[in-house]
Amino acid sequence: MAVGVQIDFKAATLAQYDEIIKKMGFKPGGSGGPFLFHWVTKTDDGIRVTDVWESQKAFEKFAEEQIGPFAAEVGLPNPPKIQFFEVHNYLTGAGV
């Protein structure tokens, strides 16, 4: 079952997020990645990443191997707050 993941990084910046994405080998607006869907936005106190993954286990493995280490490399100041949601359905746009 697909799982929604909301990750709030307090005091993080979009520039730090961009560095992490670059270190992972992804391009803004590009395709690829182990997730089904991904987007990020600035919040009043940091950034929020929202993803849809095939499973919580798949997200946790990627978080341990990539998100955590790269977040530390770019100096994110706080551990993120992570919430999981059961996904009833998701749609992708044409050509995705």
C-alpha atoms as a PDB file:
ATOM      1  CA  MET A   1       0.000   0.000   0.000  1.00  0.00           C
ATOM      2  CA  ALA A   2       1.310   3.453  -0.909  1.00  0.00           C
ATOM      3  CA  VAL A   3       2.194   5.799   1.933  1.00  0.00           C
ATOM      4  CA  GLY A   4       2.231   9.583   2.070  1.00  0.00           C
ATOM      5  CA  VAL A   5       5.178  11.110   3.898  1.00  0.00           C
ATOM      6  CA  GLN A   6       5.253  14.679   5.184  1.00  0.00           C
ATOM      7  CA  ILE A   7       8.674  15.831   6.407  1.00  0.00           C
ATOM      8  CA  ASP A   8       9.054  19.181   8.153  1.00  0.00           C
ATOM      9  CA  PHE A   9      12.590  20.525   8.491  1.00  0.00           C
ATOM     10  CA  LYS A  10      12.492  23.396  10.991  1.00  0.00           C
ATOM     11  CA  ALA A  11      15.003  26.200  10.265  1.00  0.00           C
ATOM     12  CA  ALA A  12      16.057  24.608   6.952  1.00  0.00           C
ATOM     13  CA  THR A  13      16.264  26.643   3.747  1.00  0.00           C
ATOM     14  CA  LEU A  14      15.336  25.943   0.151  1.00  0.00           C
ATOM     15  CA  ALA A  15      19.016  26.467  -0.733  1.00  0.00           C
ATOM     16  CA  GLN A  16      19.954  23.602   1.608  1.00  0.00           C
ATOM     17  CA  TYR A  17      17.216  21.466   0.042  1.00  0.00           C
ATOM     18  CA  ASP A  18      18.596  22.262  -3.432  1.00  0.00           C
ATOM     19  CA  GLU A  19      22.058  21.140  -2.282  1.00  0.00           C
ATOM     20  CA  ILE A  20      20.652  17.825  -1.021  1.00  0.00           C
ATOM     21  CA  ILE A  21      18.794  17.215  -4.286  1.00  0.00           C
ATOM     22  CA  LYS A  22      21.998  17.908  -6.239  1.00  0.00           C
ATOM     23  CA  LYS A  23      23.996  15.508  -4.031  1.00  0.00           C
ATOM     24  CA  MET A  24      21.356  12.823  -4.700  1.00  0.00           C
ATOM     25  CA  GLY A  25      21.804  13.324  -8.436  1.00  0.00           C
ATOM     26  CA  PHE A  26      18.307  14.714  -9.069  1.00  0.00           C
ATOM     27  CA  LYS A  27      17.428  17.823 -11.097  1.00  0.00           C
ATOM     28  CA  PRO A  28      14.651  20.266 -10.131  1.00  0.00           C
ATOM     29  CA  GLY A  29      11.590  19.487 -12.215  1.00  0.00           C
ATOM     30  CA  GLY A  30      13.220  16.255 -13.363  1.00  0.00           C
ATOM     31  CA  SER A  31      12.088  12.696 -13.164  1.00  0.00           C
ATOM     32  CA  GLY A  32      13.506   9.704 -11.406  1.00  0.00           C
ATOM     33  CA  GLY A  33      13.893   8.848  -7.776  1.00  0.00           C
ATOM     34  CA  PRO A  34      12.639   5.957  -5.684  1.00  0.00           C
ATOM     35  CA  PHE A  35       9.419   7.781  -4.728  1.00  0.00           C
ATOM     36  CA  LEU A  36       6.166   7.912  -6.678  1.00  0.00           C
ATOM     37  CA  PHE A  37       5.662  11.655  -6.205  1.00  0.00           C
ATOM     38  CA  HIS A  38       7.645  14.486  -4.566  1.00  0.00           C
ATOM     39  CA  TRP A  39       7.302  18.206  -3.936  1.00  0.00           C
ATOM     40  CA  VAL A  40       8.719  20.802  -1.540  1.00  0.00           C
ATOM     41  CA  THR A  41       7.637  24.194  -0.244  1.00  0.00           C
ATOM     42  CA  LYS A  42       8.900  26.900   2.098  1.00  0.00           C
ATOM     43  CA  THR A  43       7.033  27.180   5.388  1.00  0.00           C
ATOM     44  CA  ASP A  44       6.977  29.923   8.033  1.00  0.00           C
ATOM     45  CA  ASP A  45       9.725  28.133   9.989  1.00  0.00           C
ATOM     46  CA  GLY A  46      11.619  26.016   7.422  1.00  0.00           C
ATOM     47  CA  ILE A  47      10.673  23.675   4.582  1.00  0.00           C
ATOM     48  CA  ARG A  48       8.141  20.882   4.050  1.00  0.00           C
ATOM     49  CA  VAL A  49       8.738  17.889   1.784  1.00  0.00           C
ATOM     50  CA  THR A  50       5.698  15.851   0.751  1.00  0.00           C
ATOM     51  CA  ASP A  51       6.151  12.481  -0.938  1.00  0.00           C
ATOM     52  CA  VAL A  52       4.223   9.383  -1.921  1.00  0.00           C
ATOM     53  CA  TRP A  53       6.193   6.125  -1.586  1.00  0.00           C
ATOM     54  CA  GLU A  54       5.368   2.510  -2.391  1.00  0.00           C
ATOM     55  CA  SER A  55       5.863   1.686   1.310  1.00  0.00           C
ATOM     56  CA  GLN A  56       7.038   3.150   4.603  1.00  0.00           C
ATOM     57  CA  LYS A  57       9.909   0.647   4.570  1.00  0.00           C
ATOM     58  CA  ALA A  58      11.128   1.978   1.192  1.00  0.00           C
ATOM     59  CA  PHE A  59      11.067   5.552   2.516  1.00  0.00           C
ATOM     60  CA  GLU A  60      12.861   4.615   5.737  1.00  0.00           C
ATOM     61  CA  LYS A  61      15.646   2.855   3.839  1.00  0.00           C
ATOM     62  CA  PHE A  62      16.155   5.873   1.563  1.00  0.00           C
ATOM     63  CA  ALA A  63      16.016   8.246   4.547  1.00  0.00           C
ATOM     64  CA  GLU A  64      18.706   6.259   6.359  1.00  0.00           C
ATOM     65  CA  GLU A  65      20.980   5.924   3.335  1.00  0.00           C
ATOM     66  CA  GLN A  66      20.555   9.331   1.698  1.00  0.00           C
ATOM     67  CA  ILE A  67      18.321  11.908   3.363  1.00  0.00           C
ATOM     68  CA  GLY A  68      19.973  11.723   6.785  1.00  0.00           C
ATOM     69  CA  PRO A  69      23.595  11.766   5.634  1.00  0.00           C
ATOM     70  CA  PHE A  70      23.067  14.512   3.031  1.00  0.00           C
ATOM     71  CA  ALA A  71      21.014  16.616   5.462  1.00  0.00           C
ATOM     72  CA  ALA A  72      23.937  16.449   7.904  1.00  0.00           C
ATOM     73  CA  GLU A  73      26.423  17.363   5.143  1.00  0.00           C
ATOM     74  CA  VAL A  74      24.558  20.560   4.252  1.00  0.00           C
ATOM     75  CA  GLY A  75      24.154  21.500   7.913  1.00  0.00           C
ATOM     76  CA  LEU A  76      20.430  21.134   8.532  1.00  0.00           C
ATOM     77  CA  PRO A  77      20.126  22.287  12.137  1.00  0.00           C
ATOM     78  CA  ASN A  78      17.322  20.065  13.462  1.00  0.00           C
ATOM     79  CA  PRO A  79      16.039  16.525  12.990  1.00  0.00           C
ATOM     80  CA  PRO A  80      12.870  16.556  10.870  1.00  0.00           C
ATOM     81  CA  LYS A  81       9.334  15.891  12.034  1.00  0.00           C
ATOM     82  CA  ILE A  82       8.015  12.992   9.928  1.00  0.00           C
ATOM     83  CA  GLN A  83       4.373  11.987   9.546  1.00  0.00           C
ATOM     84  CA  PHE A  84       2.999   9.033   7.587  1.00  0.00           C
ATOM     85  CA  PHE A  85      -0.417   8.771   5.938  1.00  0.00           C
ATOM     86  CA  GLU A  86      -2.159   5.838   4.273  1.00  0.00           C
ATOM     87  CA  VAL A  87      -2.802   6.718   0.628  1.00  0.00           C
ATOM     88  CA  HIS A  88      -6.178   5.664  -0.705  1.00  0.00           C
ATOM     89  CA  ASN A  89      -5.361   6.767  -4.269  1.00  0.00           C
ATOM     90  CA  TYR A  90      -2.933   8.938  -6.167  1.00  0.00           C
ATOM     91  CA  LEU A  91      -2.923  10.244  -9.732  1.00  0.00           C
ATOM     92  CA  THR A  92      -0.064  11.367 -11.956  1.00  0.00           C
ATOM     93  CA  GLY A  93      -0.272  13.868 -14.760  1.00  0.00           C
ATOM     94  CA  ALA A  94      -0.124  12.968 -18.437  1.00  0.00           C
ATOM     95  CA  GLY A  95       3.391  12.189 -19.525  1.00  0.00           C
ATOM     96  CA  VAL A  96       4.627  11.413 -16.016  1.00  0.00           C
END
